[in-house]
Amino acid sequence: MGALIGDTPERDGTWAYCTGTLISPTVFLTAAHCGHDGQKTARVSFAGHYRAGDTLYAGRYVPDPRYTRKNGLYDMAVVVFPDPIPGITPAKLPSLGLLDRLKADGSLEAARFTPVGYGSVDPTKKAHGWRFHYTDTRSQTSISFKRLRGKWLELSPDPWGKEGGTCYGDSGGPNYLGGSDSKLLVATTISGVDDACRFTNLDYRLDTPSARKFLGEYVALP
């Protein structure tokens, strides 16, 4: 997993603005909404805690051409590096229709997922809204299945507080089926339904024909 790093720091001094995953030695997957119109390049750090001056890898930034901010579909982008990234094993992508098959055999209901990202942790409520804390640090949590839709996987923390959700800055990051050591990346973080970052996560499925159409242009698919 890695973070997209800005050219200049944010007002709080942090640098990471989105998350992503290496899916081949030269291809990093993230969310299209992380980029700005006309963006051609991006910088990525794979450090667990990024500090200014740490190693960065620059590559060509390519959003899914079908993506528009109006409908939010096809929210994928890749950073294509000129040379392989050393020392990192890329994540595995799911086969076509994997989540549908798991739903059909009943195993999806009990499945646990692991989202990972560099986003805000433990937002606090203030008089005029929420305050989000960023540290340029990679975090992960466990989260449960809620619902499967055509292009979306909905995940929600358990009601006993033993799981967590994703937040701003986690966009584009991985949702692994099982633990992060499984390396099976089935969906990417896109959005949530609350500013507290504690309820349902909306994640873009990677096992659908539409997702695979874009991904297949850059990596070999199972």
Protein backbone atom coordinates (compact mmCIF):
# COMPACT_ATOMS: atom_id res chain seq x y z
CA MET A 1 0.00 0.00 0.00
CA GLY A 2 1.13 3.55 -0.62
CA ALA A 3 0.10 7.18 -0.42
CA LEU A 4 -0.28 9.83 -3.09
CA ILE A 5 1.96 12.70 -2.04
CA GLY A 6 1.27 16.34 -2.89
CA ASP A 7 3.78 18.71 -4.41
CA THR A 8 3.38 20.97 -1.38
CA PRO A 9 2.20 20.18 2.17
CA GLU A 10 -1.34 20.76 3.37
CA ARG A 11 -2.07 23.54 5.88
CA ASP A 12 -1.51 21.12 8.76
CA GLY A 13 1.91 20.15 7.40
CA THR A 14 0.94 16.70 6.10
CA TRP A 15 1.54 15.52 2.54
CA ALA A 16 -0.59 12.45 1.77
CA TYR A 17 -3.91 13.12 0.08
CA CYS A 18 -5.09 9.66 -1.04
CA THR A 19 -4.19 5.98 -0.81
CA GLY A 20 -3.59 3.20 -3.31
CA THR A 21 -2.15 -0.25 -3.91
CA LEU A 22 0.57 -1.69 -6.09
CA ILE A 23 -1.13 -4.23 -8.38
CA SER A 24 1.88 -5.02 -10.58
CA PRO A 25 5.55 -4.07 -10.26
CA THR A 26 4.85 -0.95 -12.34
CA VAL A 27 1.15 -0.17 -11.72
CA PHE A 28 -0.40 1.50 -8.68
CA LEU A 29 -4.22 1.56 -8.35
CA THR A 30 -6.07 4.45 -6.71
CA ALA A 31 -9.32 6.44 -7.15
CA ALA A 32 -9.97 8.81 -10.04
CA HIS A 33 -11.53 11.44 -7.79
CA CYS A 34 -8.14 11.82 -6.08
CA GLY A 35 -6.75 13.55 -9.15
CA HIS A 36 -7.49 16.95 -10.60
CA ASP A 37 -8.57 17.79 -14.13
CA GLY A 38 -5.68 17.52 -16.52
CA GLN A 39 -3.36 15.77 -14.08
CA LYS A 40 -0.65 13.82 -15.93
CA THR A 41 1.72 12.62 -13.20
CA ALA A 42 1.60 11.59 -9.55
CA ARG A 43 4.09 10.87 -6.77
CA VAL A 44 3.76 7.85 -4.50
CA SER A 45 5.36 6.90 -1.18
CA PHE A 46 5.28 3.36 0.19
CA ALA A 47 6.52 4.40 3.64
CA GLY A 48 4.40 3.37 6.61
CA HIS A 49 4.82 6.90 7.93
CA TYR A 50 5.79 9.47 5.33
CA ARG A 51 8.25 12.23 6.17
CA ALA A 52 9.39 14.92 3.79
CA GLY A 53 12.47 13.66 1.98
CA ASP A 54 11.46 9.98 2.01
CA THR A 55 11.75 8.06 -1.26
CA LEU A 56 9.09 8.93 -3.81
CA TYR A 57 8.21 7.20 -7.07
CA ALA A 58 6.81 9.34 -9.87
CA GLY A 59 4.66 7.92 -12.64
CA ARG A 60 2.09 8.65 -15.29
CA TYR A 61 -1.37 9.28 -13.81
CA VAL A 62 -4.23 7.80 -15.86
CA PRO A 63 -7.88 7.95 -14.70
CA ASP A 64 -10.53 5.67 -16.15
CA PRO A 65 -11.76 7.73 -19.15
CA ARG A 66 -15.37 6.81 -18.32
CA TYR A 67 -15.19 8.52 -14.92
CA THR A 68 -16.99 11.82 -14.31
CA ARG A 69 -17.47 13.61 -11.02
CA LYS A 70 -21.20 13.90 -11.69
CA ASN A 71 -22.04 10.21 -11.42
CA GLY A 72 -19.08 8.81 -9.47
CA LEU A 73 -18.96 5.58 -11.47
CA TYR A 74 -15.72 4.09 -12.84
CA ASP A 75 -13.83 5.79 -10.00
CA MET A 76 -10.45 4.23 -10.73
CA ALA A 77 -7.07 5.57 -11.77
CA VAL A 78 -3.61 4.11 -12.11
CA VAL A 79 -0.13 5.49 -11.70
CA VAL A 80 2.17 3.78 -14.20
CA PHE A 81 5.82 3.83 -13.15
CA PRO A 82 8.64 3.77 -15.70
CA ASP A 83 10.51 1.09 -13.72
CA PRO A 84 9.41 -1.72 -11.35
CA ILE A 85 9.06 -0.82 -7.68
CA PRO A 86 11.66 -2.82 -5.74
CA GLY A 87 11.02 -4.90 -2.65
CA ILE A 88 7.19 -4.90 -2.70
CA THR A 89 4.93 -7.82 -3.62
CA PRO A 90 1.92 -6.52 -5.58
CA ALA A 91 -1.60 -7.27 -4.40
CA LYS A 92 -3.69 -9.93 -6.12
CA LEU A 93 -6.82 -8.96 -8.02
CA PRO A 94 -10.05 -10.99 -7.84
CA SER A 95 -11.35 -13.23 -10.58
CA LEU A 96 -14.44 -12.19 -12.50
CA GLY A 97 -17.59 -12.34 -10.32
CA LEU A 98 -15.78 -13.53 -7.18
CA LEU A 99 -17.99 -11.55 -4.78
CA ASP A 100 -21.15 -12.74 -6.55
CA ARG A 101 -20.05 -16.35 -6.11
CA LEU A 102 -19.29 -15.77 -2.41
CA LYS A 103 -22.71 -14.21 -1.96
CA ALA A 104 -24.41 -17.12 -3.74
CA ASP A 105 -22.77 -19.75 -1.52
CA GLY A 106 -23.52 -17.79 1.66
CA SER A 107 -19.93 -17.12 2.72
CA LEU A 108 -19.99 -13.37 2.08
CA GLU A 109 -22.27 -12.70 5.05
CA ALA A 110 -19.64 -13.85 7.52
CA ALA A 111 -16.63 -12.48 5.63
CA ARG A 112 -14.32 -9.89 7.16
CA PHE A 113 -12.50 -7.28 5.15
CA THR A 114 -9.40 -5.21 5.87
CA PRO A 115 -9.34 -1.61 4.63
CA VAL A 116 -5.99 0.18 4.68
CA GLY A 117 -5.21 3.85 4.21
CA TYR A 118 -3.42 7.04 5.17
CA GLY A 119 -6.60 8.93 6.03
CA SER A 120 -7.88 10.66 9.12
CA VAL A 121 -8.24 8.62 12.31
CA ASP A 122 -10.77 9.42 15.07
CA PRO A 123 -12.40 12.65 13.82
CA THR A 124 -13.67 14.90 16.60
CA LYS A 125 -16.93 16.81 16.71
CA LYS A 126 -16.62 20.59 16.96
CA ALA A 127 -19.21 23.33 17.27
CA HIS A 128 -19.17 24.02 13.53
CA GLY A 129 -18.58 20.50 12.22
CA TRP A 130 -15.99 17.78 12.36
CA ARG A 131 -12.24 18.12 12.75
CA PHE A 132 -10.11 15.59 10.90
CA HIS A 133 -6.63 14.63 12.09
CA TYR A 134 -3.98 13.54 9.59
CA THR A 135 -0.55 12.09 10.33
CA ASP A 136 0.72 10.68 7.00
CA THR A 137 0.62 7.27 8.68
CA ARG A 138 -0.74 4.04 7.24
CA SER A 139 -3.48 2.41 9.32
CA GLN A 140 -5.73 -0.59 8.93
CA THR A 141 -8.84 -2.00 10.54
CA SER A 142 -11.33 -4.83 10.24
CA ILE A 143 -14.82 -4.29 8.85
CA SER A 144 -17.86 -6.45 8.13
CA PHE A 145 -19.96 -7.10 5.06
CA LYS A 146 -23.22 -5.19 4.70
CA ARG A 147 -24.47 -5.39 1.11
CA LEU A 148 -23.35 -6.23 -2.43
CA ARG A 149 -24.54 -4.16 -5.36
CA GLY A 150 -23.78 -4.16 -9.06
CA LYS A 151 -20.62 -2.04 -8.90
CA TRP A 152 -20.39 -1.45 -5.16
CA LEU A 153 -19.40 -3.36 -2.04
CA GLU A 154 -20.89 -1.86 1.12
CA LEU A 155 -19.05 -2.54 4.36
CA SER A 156 -20.00 -1.49 7.89
CA PRO A 157 -18.25 -1.74 11.28
CA ASP A 158 -19.84 -4.06 13.81
CA PRO A 159 -22.13 -2.37 16.37
CA TRP A 160 -19.91 -3.38 19.32
CA GLY A 161 -17.10 -1.04 18.33
CA LYS A 162 -14.49 -3.71 17.62
CA GLU A 163 -14.14 -2.65 13.99
CA GLY A 164 -13.51 0.65 12.23
CA GLY A 165 -14.34 2.50 9.05
CA THR A 166 -12.45 4.53 6.49
CA CYS A 167 -12.21 8.31 6.29
CA TYR A 168 -10.99 11.22 4.19
CA GLY A 169 -7.57 10.40 2.77
CA ASP A 170 -8.30 6.66 2.57
CA SER A 171 -9.86 7.06 -0.89
CA GLY A 172 -8.40 4.72 -3.47
CA GLY A 173 -7.04 2.44 -0.77
CA PRO A 174 -7.47 -1.33 -0.66
CA ASN A 175 -10.17 -3.43 0.90
CA TYR A 176 -8.69 -6.90 1.26
CA LEU A 177 -10.83 -10.00 1.64
CA GLY A 178 -9.66 -11.37 4.98
CA GLY A 179 -6.47 -9.92 6.43
CA SER A 180 -4.08 -7.66 4.57
CA ASP A 181 -1.64 -10.57 4.41
CA SER A 182 -4.07 -12.30 2.03
CA LYS A 183 -3.12 -9.68 -0.59
CA LEU A 184 -6.52 -10.32 -2.26
CA LEU A 185 -7.72 -6.84 -3.19
CA VAL A 186 -11.45 -7.01 -3.96
CA ALA A 187 -12.54 -3.35 -3.76
CA THR A 188 -11.16 0.17 -3.38
CA THR A 189 -12.37 2.76 -0.88
CA ILE A 190 -14.44 5.51 -2.48
CA SER A 191 -16.76 7.15 0.04
CA GLY A 192 -18.81 6.85 3.22
CA VAL A 193 -22.23 7.89 4.44
CA ASP A 194 -21.26 10.08 7.41
CA ASP A 195 -18.72 12.73 8.39
CA ALA A 196 -17.84 10.77 11.52
CA CYS A 197 -16.32 8.01 9.35
CA ARG A 198 -17.91 5.36 11.54
CA PHE A 199 -20.68 3.88 9.45
CA THR A 200 -21.13 2.36 5.98
CA ASN A 201 -18.23 2.48 3.52
CA LEU A 202 -18.91 2.52 -0.21
CA ASP A 203 -16.23 0.57 -2.05
CA TYR A 204 -15.75 0.05 -5.78
CA ARG A 205 -15.77 -3.61 -6.78
CA LEU A 206 -12.83 -4.88 -8.83
CA ASP A 207 -14.40 -8.18 -9.89
CA THR A 208 -16.95 -6.70 -12.30
CA PRO A 209 -16.68 -6.62 -16.11
CA SER A 210 -16.63 -2.81 -16.08
CA ALA A 211 -13.74 -2.60 -13.58
CA ARG A 212 -11.81 -5.33 -15.36
CA LYS A 213 -12.17 -3.54 -18.68
CA PHE A 214 -10.04 -0.68 -17.36
CA LEU A 215 -7.66 -2.75 -15.23
CA GLY A 216 -7.01 -5.20 -18.07
CA GLU A 217 -5.35 -2.44 -20.06
CA TYR A 218 -2.55 -2.26 -17.47
CA VAL A 219 -2.23 -5.64 -15.72
CA ALA A 220 -2.82 -9.31 -16.39
CA LEU A 221 -6.10 -10.39 -14.79
CA PRO A 222 -6.91 -13.73 -13.16
